[in-house]
Amino acid sequence: MPVDSMALESFPRMNEDDLRTITCGVYQVKLSPYHSEDDGLVRVKMQSRHTTLKQYELWLRFNEAAVQSWFCMCRAGARVVWMCSHIASVMWFLAYAR
């Protein structure tokens, strides 16, 4: 079910330095609706900026202290090291910008 930002008050807050450390840089955000699957899991559907008919689906698992894990269905999101720009932009928005 769609949720508003008030429903994710438990998402950990981070400053810009924390975000740069975990995301290897901060990206511009164009966030699609996000959904709370359970208390510590958020699912986001994000429209591709390059391909009109393409959407990416991603998940972030978190607790009040930290983001524990993430996964994105884009090609870069399936890599083993670090995270894609979709995950980085959602984390930037939820942890800092809102």
Protein backbone atom coordinates (compact mmCIF):
# COMPACT_ATOMS: atom_id res chain seq x y z
CA MET A 1 0.00 0.00 0.00
CA PRO A 2 1.32 3.51 -0.75
CA VAL A 3 2.56 5.43 2.27
CA ASP A 4 3.47 9.01 2.96
CA SER A 5 6.73 10.23 4.48
CA MET A 6 5.20 10.26 7.96
CA ALA A 7 4.90 6.48 7.83
CA LEU A 8 8.67 6.18 7.46
CA GLU A 9 9.65 8.27 10.47
CA SER A 10 11.76 5.35 11.72
CA PHE A 11 14.00 5.48 8.62
CA PRO A 12 17.46 6.45 9.92
CA ARG A 13 18.53 10.07 9.43
CA MET A 14 21.94 10.74 7.92
CA ASN A 15 23.97 13.81 7.16
CA GLU A 16 25.53 14.45 3.75
CA ASP A 17 28.88 13.00 4.79
CA ASP A 18 27.22 9.75 5.93
CA LEU A 19 25.38 9.53 2.61
CA ARG A 20 28.48 10.23 0.55
CA THR A 21 30.29 7.48 2.44
CA ILE A 22 27.62 4.85 1.88
CA THR A 23 26.60 5.83 -1.66
CA CYS A 24 29.92 7.01 -3.15
CA GLY A 25 28.30 10.38 -3.94
CA VAL A 26 24.88 12.03 -3.78
CA TYR A 27 22.60 11.95 -6.83
CA GLN A 28 19.70 14.16 -7.93
CA VAL A 29 16.38 12.67 -6.87
CA LYS A 30 13.31 12.00 -8.93
CA LEU A 31 11.44 9.70 -6.57
CA SER A 32 8.47 7.60 -7.51
CA PRO A 33 5.90 6.43 -4.97
CA TYR A 34 7.30 4.19 -2.29
CA HIS A 35 5.54 1.49 -0.33
CA SER A 36 6.08 0.03 3.10
CA GLU A 37 6.08 -3.76 2.84
CA ASP A 38 6.60 -4.12 6.59
CA ASP A 39 8.01 -1.94 9.37
CA GLY A 40 11.60 -2.23 8.17
CA LEU A 41 11.24 -2.72 4.41
CA VAL A 42 10.51 -0.12 1.74
CA ARG A 43 9.80 -0.90 -1.93
CA VAL A 44 10.19 1.84 -4.53
CA LYS A 45 9.18 1.90 -8.18
CA MET A 46 11.27 4.41 -10.09
CA GLN A 47 10.87 5.52 -13.68
CA SER A 48 14.00 5.31 -15.81
CA ARG A 49 15.38 8.69 -16.84
CA HIS A 50 16.69 7.23 -20.10
CA THR A 51 14.05 4.76 -21.32
CA THR A 52 10.41 5.81 -21.27
CA LEU A 53 8.90 2.35 -20.89
CA LYS A 54 11.35 1.11 -18.25
CA GLN A 55 10.71 1.11 -14.51
CA TYR A 56 13.03 -0.11 -11.79
CA GLU A 57 11.92 -1.76 -8.60
CA LEU A 58 14.11 -1.59 -5.53
CA TRP A 59 13.99 -2.51 -1.87
CA LEU A 60 15.69 -1.16 1.24
CA ARG A 61 15.72 -2.98 4.60
CA PHE A 62 16.40 -0.77 7.61
CA ASN A 63 16.02 -0.29 11.33
CA GLU A 64 16.10 2.97 13.29
CA ALA A 65 19.89 2.93 13.47
CA ALA A 66 20.98 1.98 9.96
CA VAL A 67 20.13 0.83 6.45
CA GLN A 68 20.89 -2.89 6.62
CA SER A 69 20.60 -4.01 3.00
CA TRP A 70 19.30 -3.03 -0.43
CA PHE A 71 18.59 -4.45 -3.86
CA CYS A 72 17.63 -2.91 -7.20
CA MET A 73 16.46 -4.79 -10.28
CA CYS A 74 18.57 -2.66 -12.65
CA ARG A 75 21.75 -4.14 -14.16
CA ALA A 76 24.02 -2.12 -11.90
CA GLY A 77 21.93 -3.01 -8.84
CA ALA A 78 22.71 -6.70 -9.25
CA ARG A 79 26.44 -6.11 -8.87
CA VAL A 80 28.18 -7.24 -5.72
CA VAL A 81 30.11 -4.06 -4.83
CA TRP A 82 28.28 -1.00 -3.45
CA MET A 83 24.99 0.31 -4.87
CA CYS A 84 23.36 1.76 -7.98
CA SER A 85 22.25 5.38 -8.38
CA HIS A 86 18.58 4.39 -7.84
CA ILE A 87 19.32 3.12 -4.33
CA ALA A 88 21.56 6.11 -3.66
CA SER A 89 18.87 8.61 -4.64
CA VAL A 90 16.18 6.93 -2.52
CA MET A 91 18.52 6.80 0.48
CA TRP A 92 19.43 10.46 -0.03
CA PHE A 93 15.76 11.45 -0.07
CA LEU A 94 14.59 9.32 2.87
CA ALA A 95 17.64 9.84 5.10
CA TYR A 96 18.41 13.49 4.39
CA ALA A 97 16.24 15.57 2.04
CA ARG A 98 12.77 15.03 3.42
